[in-house]
Amino acid sequence: MSSPSRPTSPLRLEWPQSLAVYDDYAAAQRAVDFLSDQHFPVQHCMIVGTDLKRIERITGRLTTGRVAMSGIASGLWLGLLLGVLFSVFTDGESALATIGSTLVLGALFGMIFALVGYAMTRGQRDFSSVTQVVATRYEVLVEHKVAAQARQTLSQLPGALTEPFA
């Protein structure tokens, strides 16, 4: 019969307990780094981001011209990649012609695909953006067998709270 002493995944702790909760990742990282500096066995710790939220930053307005230029640019990169790969199998004189033709075809197809995709949205999303999922709280968890030692050690962190809050 196997012993249940080791978690089955490196992202799991055995009977985790909350050590502290922080508003930003840097503070949680600082706490674990302090524990490490004090020679605490930090392999028994975990930082968990909770209360996730999705943030979308609008970067600009989409127009047909911007979409076309973006498609051309991405098509050029794909055409260059394919041209270089194809030129490996051709002689020296036709290698430049191969790269040039794949650049032109890549730009053309990239522009067509981008414009068709944009037209399919029918104006429902006329802006570009970047999206990120972030946590609003970061909880430091610790295995039950070292929780008391972790609390005692963390209480020595300058500016730290003596009791964890949730």
N, C-alpha and C. Protein backbone atom coordinates (compact mmCIF):
# COMPACT_ATOMS: atom_id res chain seq x y z
N MET A 1 0.83 -1.17 0.00
CA MET A 1 0.00 0.00 0.00
C MET A 1 0.89 1.24 0.00
N SER A 2 0.58 2.21 -0.87
CA SER A 2 1.43 3.39 -1.01
C SER A 2 1.09 4.40 0.09
N SER A 3 2.08 5.20 0.41
CA SER A 3 1.92 6.22 1.44
C SER A 3 1.35 7.49 0.82
N PRO A 4 0.36 8.12 1.45
CA PRO A 4 -0.22 9.35 0.91
C PRO A 4 0.57 10.59 1.30
N SER A 5 1.88 10.44 1.59
CA SER A 5 2.64 11.57 2.09
C SER A 5 3.02 12.57 1.00
N ARG A 6 3.05 12.17 -0.27
CA ARG A 6 3.44 13.08 -1.35
C ARG A 6 2.23 13.44 -2.20
N PRO A 7 2.05 14.71 -2.51
CA PRO A 7 0.98 15.10 -3.43
C PRO A 7 1.23 14.50 -4.81
N THR A 8 0.17 14.26 -5.56
CA THR A 8 0.31 13.64 -6.87
C THR A 8 0.76 14.64 -7.94
N SER A 9 0.61 15.92 -7.70
CA SER A 9 0.97 16.95 -8.67
C SER A 9 1.89 17.97 -8.01
N PRO A 10 2.82 18.54 -8.78
CA PRO A 10 3.68 19.57 -8.19
C PRO A 10 2.91 20.86 -7.86
N LEU A 11 1.70 20.99 -8.38
CA LEU A 11 0.89 22.17 -8.09
C LEU A 11 -0.12 21.91 -6.98
N ARG A 12 0.14 20.92 -6.17
CA ARG A 12 -0.76 20.61 -5.05
C ARG A 12 0.04 20.53 -3.77
N LEU A 13 -0.61 20.92 -2.70
CA LEU A 13 -0.01 20.78 -1.37
C LEU A 13 -0.84 19.79 -0.58
N GLU A 14 -0.19 19.17 0.39
CA GLU A 14 -0.88 18.22 1.27
C GLU A 14 -1.55 19.01 2.39
N TRP A 15 -2.86 19.06 2.40
CA TRP A 15 -3.67 19.78 3.39
C TRP A 15 -3.18 21.22 3.55
N PRO A 16 -3.34 22.03 2.52
CA PRO A 16 -2.83 23.39 2.58
C PRO A 16 -3.62 24.26 3.57
N GLN A 17 -2.91 25.19 4.19
CA GLN A 17 -3.50 26.18 5.08
C GLN A 17 -3.08 27.57 4.60
N SER A 18 -3.96 28.52 4.80
CA SER A 18 -3.67 29.88 4.39
C SER A 18 -2.66 30.50 5.34
N LEU A 19 -1.61 31.06 4.78
CA LEU A 19 -0.60 31.73 5.58
C LEU A 19 -0.87 33.24 5.60
N ALA A 20 -1.17 33.81 4.44
CA ALA A 20 -1.46 35.24 4.35
C ALA A 20 -2.09 35.54 3.00
N VAL A 21 -2.79 36.66 2.91
CA VAL A 21 -3.42 37.11 1.67
C VAL A 21 -2.93 38.51 1.38
N TYR A 22 -2.56 38.74 0.11
CA TYR A 22 -2.00 40.03 -0.29
C TYR A 22 -2.78 40.60 -1.47
N ASP A 23 -2.72 41.92 -1.62
CA ASP A 23 -3.42 42.59 -2.70
C ASP A 23 -2.66 42.55 -4.02
N ASP A 24 -1.36 42.29 -3.97
CA ASP A 24 -0.61 42.21 -5.22
C ASP A 24 0.40 41.08 -5.15
N TYR A 25 0.82 40.64 -6.32
CA TYR A 25 1.73 39.50 -6.41
C TYR A 25 3.08 39.83 -5.79
N ALA A 26 3.55 41.04 -5.96
CA ALA A 26 4.87 41.41 -5.43
C ALA A 26 4.94 41.22 -3.92
N ALA A 27 3.86 41.53 -3.22
CA ALA A 27 3.85 41.36 -1.76
C ALA A 27 3.87 39.88 -1.39
N ALA A 28 3.12 39.07 -2.12
CA ALA A 28 3.13 37.62 -1.85
C ALA A 28 4.51 37.04 -2.15
N GLN A 29 5.11 37.48 -3.24
CA GLN A 29 6.44 37.01 -3.60
C GLN A 29 7.46 37.45 -2.55
N ARG A 30 7.31 38.66 -2.04
CA ARG A 30 8.21 39.16 -0.99
C ARG A 30 8.12 38.30 0.27
N ALA A 31 6.90 37.88 0.62
CA ALA A 31 6.73 37.03 1.81
C ALA A 31 7.42 35.69 1.62
N VAL A 32 7.23 35.06 0.46
CA VAL A 32 7.86 33.76 0.22
C VAL A 32 9.38 33.92 0.13
N ASP A 33 9.85 35.00 -0.47
CA ASP A 33 11.28 35.25 -0.55
C ASP A 33 11.87 35.43 0.85
N PHE A 34 11.14 36.12 1.73
CA PHE A 34 11.59 36.28 3.11
C PHE A 34 11.69 34.92 3.80
N LEU A 35 10.67 34.09 3.60
CA LEU A 35 10.71 32.74 4.18
C LEU A 35 11.95 31.98 3.69
N SER A 36 12.23 32.11 2.40
CA SER A 36 13.40 31.43 1.83
C SER A 36 14.69 31.97 2.44
N ASP A 37 14.76 33.29 2.60
CA ASP A 37 15.95 33.89 3.20
C ASP A 37 16.17 33.41 4.64
N GLN A 38 15.08 33.04 5.32
CA GLN A 38 15.17 32.56 6.70
C GLN A 38 15.33 31.03 6.75
N HIS A 39 15.64 30.43 5.62
CA HIS A 39 15.89 28.99 5.49
C HIS A 39 14.65 28.14 5.78
N PHE A 40 13.48 28.71 5.54
CA PHE A 40 12.24 27.95 5.66
C PHE A 40 12.12 27.07 4.42
N PRO A 41 11.61 25.84 4.54
CA PRO A 41 11.47 24.96 3.37
C PRO A 41 10.33 25.43 2.45
N VAL A 42 10.65 26.35 1.55
CA VAL A 42 9.63 26.99 0.72
C VAL A 42 8.99 26.04 -0.31
N GLN A 43 9.52 24.84 -0.46
CA GLN A 43 8.88 23.87 -1.35
C GLN A 43 7.51 23.44 -0.82
N HIS A 44 7.21 23.83 0.42
CA HIS A 44 5.91 23.54 1.02
C HIS A 44 4.94 24.72 0.89
N CYS A 45 5.30 25.70 0.08
CA CYS A 45 4.48 26.90 -0.11
C CYS A 45 3.92 26.96 -1.53
N MET A 46 2.89 27.77 -1.66
CA MET A 46 2.27 27.99 -2.96
C MET A 46 1.63 29.38 -2.95
N ILE A 47 1.76 30.11 -4.06
CA ILE A 47 1.08 31.39 -4.22
C ILE A 47 -0.08 31.15 -5.18
N VAL A 48 -1.28 31.48 -4.75
CA VAL A 48 -2.47 31.25 -5.55
C VAL A 48 -3.17 32.59 -5.81
N GLY A 49 -3.34 32.93 -7.07
CA GLY A 49 -4.09 34.12 -7.44
C GLY A 49 -5.57 33.81 -7.40
N THR A 50 -6.34 34.65 -6.71
CA THR A 50 -7.78 34.42 -6.59
C THR A 50 -8.54 35.65 -7.06
N ASP A 51 -9.84 35.53 -7.12
CA ASP A 51 -10.72 36.61 -7.58
C ASP A 51 -10.24 37.15 -8.92
N LEU A 52 -10.27 36.28 -9.92
CA LEU A 52 -9.78 36.65 -11.24
C LEU A 52 -10.70 37.63 -11.93
N LYS A 53 -10.08 38.52 -12.70
CA LYS A 53 -10.85 39.45 -13.52
C LYS A 53 -10.17 39.57 -14.87
N ARG A 54 -10.96 39.86 -15.88
CA ARG A 54 -10.46 40.00 -17.24
C ARG A 54 -10.38 41.48 -17.56
N ILE A 55 -9.20 41.91 -17.99
CA ILE A 55 -8.99 43.31 -18.32
C ILE A 55 -8.74 43.40 -19.82
N GLU A 56 -9.45 44.30 -20.48
CA GLU A 56 -9.26 44.50 -21.91
C GLU A 56 -8.90 45.96 -22.14
N ARG A 57 -7.72 46.18 -22.68
CA ARG A 57 -7.24 47.54 -22.97
C ARG A 57 -7.45 47.80 -24.45
N ILE A 58 -8.23 48.83 -24.78
CA ILE A 58 -8.50 49.18 -26.16
C ILE A 58 -7.27 49.90 -26.70
N THR A 59 -6.74 49.42 -27.81
CA THR A 59 -5.51 49.99 -28.35
C THR A 59 -5.75 50.88 -29.56
N GLY A 60 -6.94 50.83 -30.14
CA GLY A 60 -7.19 51.69 -31.28
C GLY A 60 -8.46 51.31 -32.02
N ARG A 61 -8.79 52.15 -32.99
CA ARG A 61 -9.97 51.94 -33.83
C ARG A 61 -9.57 51.12 -35.04
N LEU A 62 -10.39 50.15 -35.42
CA LEU A 62 -10.13 49.36 -36.61
C LEU A 62 -10.81 49.99 -37.81
N THR A 63 -10.06 50.13 -38.87
CA THR A 63 -10.61 50.58 -40.15
C THR A 63 -10.23 49.54 -41.19
N THR A 64 -10.84 49.62 -42.34
CA THR A 64 -10.53 48.67 -43.41
C THR A 64 -9.05 48.78 -43.78
N GLY A 65 -8.52 49.98 -43.82
CA GLY A 65 -7.11 50.18 -44.15
C GLY A 65 -6.17 49.56 -43.13
N ARG A 66 -6.47 49.75 -41.83
CA ARG A 66 -5.63 49.16 -40.78
C ARG A 66 -5.68 47.64 -40.82
N VAL A 67 -6.87 47.10 -41.06
CA VAL A 67 -7.02 45.64 -41.14
C VAL A 67 -6.22 45.11 -42.34
N ALA A 68 -6.32 45.80 -43.48
CA ALA A 68 -5.60 45.37 -44.68
C ALA A 68 -4.08 45.40 -44.44
N MET A 69 -3.60 46.48 -43.84
CA MET A 69 -2.15 46.60 -43.57
C MET A 69 -1.67 45.54 -42.58
N SER A 70 -2.49 45.26 -41.58
CA SER A 70 -2.14 44.21 -40.63
C SER A 70 -2.08 42.85 -41.31
N GLY A 71 -3.03 42.59 -42.20
CA GLY A 71 -3.04 41.33 -42.95
C GLY A 71 -1.83 41.22 -43.86
N ILE A 72 -1.48 42.31 -44.50
CA ILE A 72 -0.30 42.31 -45.38
C ILE A 72 0.96 42.01 -44.56
N ALA A 73 1.08 42.67 -43.41
CA ALA A 73 2.27 42.47 -42.57
C ALA A 73 2.39 41.02 -42.10
N SER A 74 1.31 40.44 -41.63
CA SER A 74 1.39 39.05 -41.17
C SER A 74 1.61 38.11 -42.35
N GLY A 75 1.02 38.44 -43.50
CA GLY A 75 1.24 37.62 -44.70
C GLY A 75 2.67 37.68 -45.18
N LEU A 76 3.30 38.86 -45.06
CA LEU A 76 4.70 38.98 -45.45
C LEU A 76 5.60 38.09 -44.59
N TRP A 77 5.33 38.07 -43.28
CA TRP A 77 6.14 37.21 -42.40
C TRP A 77 5.97 35.74 -42.78
N LEU A 78 4.74 35.33 -43.02
CA LEU A 78 4.51 33.93 -43.41
C LEU A 78 5.16 33.65 -44.76
N GLY A 79 5.03 34.59 -45.70
CA GLY A 79 5.65 34.42 -47.01
C GLY A 79 7.16 34.33 -46.92
N LEU A 80 7.75 35.16 -46.06
CA LEU A 80 9.20 35.10 -45.86
C LEU A 80 9.63 33.75 -45.30
N LEU A 81 8.91 33.28 -44.31
CA LEU A 81 9.23 31.98 -43.72
C LEU A 81 9.15 30.87 -44.76
N LEU A 82 8.05 30.84 -45.50
CA LEU A 82 7.91 29.80 -46.52
C LEU A 82 8.94 29.96 -47.63
N GLY A 83 9.23 31.20 -48.02
CA GLY A 83 10.22 31.45 -49.06
C GLY A 83 11.60 30.95 -48.67
N VAL A 84 11.99 31.22 -47.44
CA VAL A 84 13.29 30.75 -46.97
C VAL A 84 13.32 29.22 -46.93
N LEU A 85 12.24 28.63 -46.45
CA LEU A 85 12.19 27.16 -46.41
C LEU A 85 12.24 26.56 -47.81
N PHE A 86 11.48 27.12 -48.75
CA PHE A 86 11.48 26.62 -50.13
C PHE A 86 12.82 26.86 -50.81
N SER A 87 13.48 27.97 -50.51
CA SER A 87 14.74 28.29 -51.17
C SER A 87 15.86 27.33 -50.79
N VAL A 88 15.71 26.64 -49.69
CA VAL A 88 16.71 25.64 -49.30
C VAL A 88 16.77 24.53 -50.35
N PHE A 89 15.65 24.27 -51.00
CA PHE A 89 15.58 23.17 -51.96
C PHE A 89 15.74 23.64 -53.41
N THR A 90 16.16 24.88 -53.62
CA THR A 90 16.37 25.38 -54.98
C THR A 90 17.81 25.82 -55.14
N ASP A 91 18.23 26.03 -56.39
CA ASP A 91 19.60 26.49 -56.61
C ASP A 91 19.70 27.99 -56.29
N GLY A 92 20.90 28.52 -56.28
CA GLY A 92 21.16 29.89 -55.83
C GLY A 92 20.45 30.96 -56.62
N GLU A 93 20.34 30.81 -57.95
CA GLU A 93 19.74 31.86 -58.77
C GLU A 93 18.24 31.97 -58.57
N SER A 94 17.57 30.85 -58.43
CA SER A 94 16.11 30.91 -58.29
C SER A 94 15.65 31.06 -56.83
N ALA A 95 16.58 31.07 -55.88
CA ALA A 95 16.21 31.22 -54.47
C ALA A 95 15.59 32.59 -54.21
N LEU A 96 16.17 33.64 -54.80
CA LEU A 96 15.61 34.98 -54.61
C LEU A 96 14.24 35.10 -55.25
N ALA A 97 14.05 34.47 -56.40
CA ALA A 97 12.74 34.49 -57.05
C ALA A 97 11.71 33.75 -56.20
N THR A 98 12.13 32.66 -55.59
CA THR A 98 11.24 31.90 -54.72
C THR A 98 10.83 32.74 -53.51
N ILE A 99 11.80 33.37 -52.88
CA ILE A 99 11.49 34.20 -51.71
C ILE A 99 10.60 35.37 -52.11
N GLY A 100 10.92 36.01 -53.23
CA GLY A 100 10.11 37.15 -53.69
C GLY A 100 8.68 36.76 -54.00
N SER A 101 8.49 35.62 -54.67
CA SER A 101 7.13 35.21 -55.01
C SER A 101 6.33 34.80 -53.78
N THR A 102 6.98 34.16 -52.81
CA THR A 102 6.24 33.78 -51.60
C THR A 102 5.91 35.01 -50.76
N LEU A 103 6.77 36.05 -50.81
CA LEU A 103 6.46 37.30 -50.12
C LEU A 103 5.20 37.94 -50.71
N VAL A 104 5.14 38.01 -52.04
CA VAL A 104 4.00 38.62 -52.71
C VAL A 104 2.73 37.83 -52.44
N LEU A 105 2.81 36.51 -52.59
CA LEU A 105 1.62 35.67 -52.35
C LEU A 105 1.20 35.71 -50.88
N GLY A 106 2.16 35.71 -49.97
CA GLY A 106 1.84 35.79 -48.55
C GLY A 106 1.13 37.08 -48.21
N ALA A 107 1.63 38.21 -48.75
CA ALA A 107 1.00 39.51 -48.50
C ALA A 107 -0.41 39.54 -49.07
N LEU A 108 -0.58 39.01 -50.26
CA LEU A 108 -1.90 39.01 -50.90
C LEU A 108 -2.90 38.17 -50.10
N PHE A 109 -2.52 36.94 -49.78
CA PHE A 109 -3.43 36.07 -49.03
C PHE A 109 -3.66 36.59 -47.61
N GLY A 110 -2.63 37.15 -46.97
CA GLY A 110 -2.81 37.72 -45.64
C GLY A 110 -3.82 38.85 -45.65
N MET A 111 -3.73 39.73 -46.66
CA MET A 111 -4.67 40.84 -46.76
C MET A 111 -6.09 40.33 -47.01
N ILE A 112 -6.23 39.36 -47.91
CA ILE A 112 -7.56 38.82 -48.23
C ILE A 112 -8.19 38.19 -46.98
N PHE A 113 -7.45 37.35 -46.30
CA PHE A 113 -8.00 36.67 -45.12
C PHE A 113 -8.36 37.67 -44.02
N ALA A 114 -7.51 38.69 -43.82
CA ALA A 114 -7.80 39.69 -42.79
C ALA A 114 -9.06 40.47 -43.14
N LEU A 115 -9.20 40.87 -44.40
CA LEU A 115 -10.38 41.64 -44.81
C LEU A 115 -11.66 40.81 -44.75
N VAL A 116 -11.58 39.55 -45.13
CA VAL A 116 -12.76 38.68 -45.04
C VAL A 116 -13.16 38.50 -43.58
N GLY A 117 -12.19 38.26 -42.70
CA GLY A 117 -12.50 38.12 -41.27
C GLY A 117 -13.11 39.38 -40.69
N TYR A 118 -12.60 40.53 -41.09
CA TYR A 118 -13.12 41.81 -40.61
C TYR A 118 -14.54 42.03 -41.12
N ALA A 119 -14.78 41.70 -42.38
CA ALA A 119 -16.12 41.87 -42.95
C ALA A 119 -17.14 40.96 -42.26
N MET A 120 -16.70 39.81 -41.80
CA MET A 120 -17.62 38.87 -41.15
C MET A 120 -18.10 39.38 -39.79
N THR A 121 -17.37 40.31 -39.18
CA THR A 121 -17.82 40.85 -37.89
C THR A 121 -18.95 41.86 -38.08
N ARG A 122 -19.14 42.35 -39.29
CA ARG A 122 -20.22 43.29 -39.62
C ARG A 122 -20.24 44.51 -38.70
N GLY A 123 -19.07 45.02 -38.39
CA GLY A 123 -18.99 46.25 -37.59
C GLY A 123 -19.28 46.07 -36.12
N GLN A 124 -19.38 44.85 -35.64
CA GLN A 124 -19.69 44.63 -34.23
C GLN A 124 -18.47 44.78 -33.33
N ARG A 125 -17.31 44.84 -33.93
CA ARG A 125 -16.07 45.01 -33.14
C ARG A 125 -15.09 45.83 -33.98
N ASP A 126 -15.28 47.13 -33.96
CA ASP A 126 -14.45 48.03 -34.75
C ASP A 126 -13.31 48.63 -33.93
N PHE A 127 -12.69 47.81 -33.10
CA PHE A 127 -11.55 48.28 -32.32
C PHE A 127 -10.60 47.12 -32.08
N SER A 128 -9.34 47.46 -31.84
CA SER A 128 -8.35 46.45 -31.49
C SER A 128 -8.06 46.57 -30.00
N SER A 129 -7.64 45.48 -29.39
CA SER A 129 -7.40 45.50 -27.95
C SER A 129 -6.44 44.39 -27.56
N VAL A 130 -5.95 44.48 -26.34
CA VAL A 130 -5.18 43.41 -25.72
C VAL A 130 -5.91 43.01 -24.44
N THR A 131 -5.90 41.74 -24.14
CA THR A 131 -6.66 41.21 -23.01
C THR A 131 -5.72 40.46 -22.08
N GLN A 132 -6.00 40.57 -20.79
CA GLN A 132 -5.21 39.86 -19.79
C GLN A 132 -6.13 39.45 -18.65
N VAL A 133 -5.89 38.27 -18.09
CA VAL A 133 -6.61 37.83 -16.91
C VAL A 133 -5.66 38.02 -15.72
N VAL A 134 -6.14 38.74 -14.72
CA VAL A 134 -5.31 39.02 -13.55
C VAL A 134 -6.07 38.66 -12.28
N ALA A 135 -5.32 38.39 -11.24
CA ALA A 135 -5.91 38.11 -9.94
C ALA A 135 -5.97 39.41 -9.15
N THR A 136 -6.98 39.54 -8.30
CA THR A 136 -7.07 40.73 -7.46
C THR A 136 -6.52 40.48 -6.06
N ARG A 137 -6.34 39.21 -5.72
CA ARG A 137 -5.75 38.84 -4.42
C ARG A 137 -4.81 37.67 -4.64
N TYR A 138 -3.78 37.60 -3.81
CA TYR A 138 -2.82 36.51 -3.88
C TYR A 138 -2.68 35.90 -2.49
N GLU A 139 -2.97 34.62 -2.42
CA GLU A 139 -2.94 33.92 -1.13
C GLU A 139 -1.72 33.01 -1.09
N VAL A 140 -0.97 33.11 -0.01
CA VAL A 140 0.16 32.21 0.20
C VAL A 140 -0.35 31.05 1.03
N LEU A 141 -0.26 29.86 0.45
CA LEU A 141 -0.68 28.64 1.14
C LEU A 141 0.57 27.87 1.57
N VAL A 142 0.41 27.10 2.63
CA VAL A 142 1.52 26.31 3.15
C VAL A 142 0.97 24.98 3.63
N GLU A 143 1.77 23.94 3.54
CA GLU A 143 1.34 22.62 4.02
C GLU A 143 1.14 22.66 5.53
N HIS A 144 0.17 21.90 5.98
CA HIS A 144 -0.22 21.91 7.40
C HIS A 144 0.93 21.58 8.34
N LYS A 145 1.83 20.71 7.92
CA LYS A 145 2.88 20.25 8.82
C LYS A 145 3.93 21.32 9.13
N VAL A 146 3.98 22.38 8.33
CA VAL A 146 4.94 23.45 8.58
C VAL A 146 4.25 24.81 8.75
N ALA A 147 2.93 24.81 8.89
CA ALA A 147 2.16 26.05 8.96
C ALA A 147 2.57 26.91 10.17
N ALA A 148 2.71 26.29 11.32
CA ALA A 148 3.07 27.05 12.52
C ALA A 148 4.45 27.68 12.38
N GLN A 149 5.40 26.92 11.85
CA GLN A 149 6.75 27.44 11.63
C GLN A 149 6.71 28.60 10.62
N ALA A 150 5.89 28.46 9.57
CA ALA A 150 5.78 29.52 8.56
C ALA A 150 5.20 30.78 9.16
N ARG A 151 4.16 30.64 9.98
CA ARG A 151 3.55 31.82 10.62
C ARG A 151 4.54 32.53 11.53
N GLN A 152 5.27 31.74 12.30
CA GLN A 152 6.27 32.31 13.21
C GLN A 152 7.36 33.03 12.42
N THR A 153 7.84 32.43 11.37
CA THR A 153 8.91 33.04 10.56
C THR A 153 8.40 34.30 9.86
N LEU A 154 7.20 34.23 9.29
CA LEU A 154 6.66 35.36 8.54
C LEU A 154 6.34 36.54 9.47
N SER A 155 6.08 36.27 10.74
CA SER A 155 5.79 37.37 11.68
C SER A 155 7.01 38.26 11.88
N GLN A 156 8.19 37.78 11.51
CA GLN A 156 9.42 38.56 11.66
C GLN A 156 9.69 39.46 10.45
N LEU A 157 8.87 39.34 9.41
CA LEU A 157 9.04 40.18 8.22
C LEU A 157 8.73 41.63 8.57
N PRO A 158 9.65 42.54 8.32
CA PRO A 158 9.39 43.96 8.65
C PRO A 158 8.15 44.45 7.94
N GLY A 159 7.23 45.04 8.71
CA GLY A 159 5.99 45.57 8.15
C GLY A 159 4.93 44.53 7.92
N ALA A 160 5.16 43.27 8.34
CA ALA A 160 4.19 42.21 8.13
C ALA A 160 3.12 42.21 9.20
N LEU A 161 1.97 41.72 8.82
CA LEU A 161 0.90 41.53 9.80
C LEU A 161 1.21 40.30 10.60
N THR A 162 0.86 40.29 11.87
CA THR A 162 1.16 39.13 12.70
C THR A 162 0.15 38.01 12.49
N GLU A 163 -1.04 38.36 12.02
CA GLU A 163 -2.07 37.36 11.74
C GLU A 163 -2.44 37.40 10.27
N PRO A 164 -2.64 36.26 9.64
CA PRO A 164 -3.10 36.28 8.25
C PRO A 164 -4.53 36.80 8.17
N PHE A 165 -4.85 37.43 7.07
CA PHE A 165 -6.23 37.89 6.88
C PHE A 165 -6.77 37.28 5.62
N ALA A 166 -8.08 37.10 5.61
CA ALA A 166 -8.72 36.46 4.45
C ALA A 166 -9.84 37.32 3.94
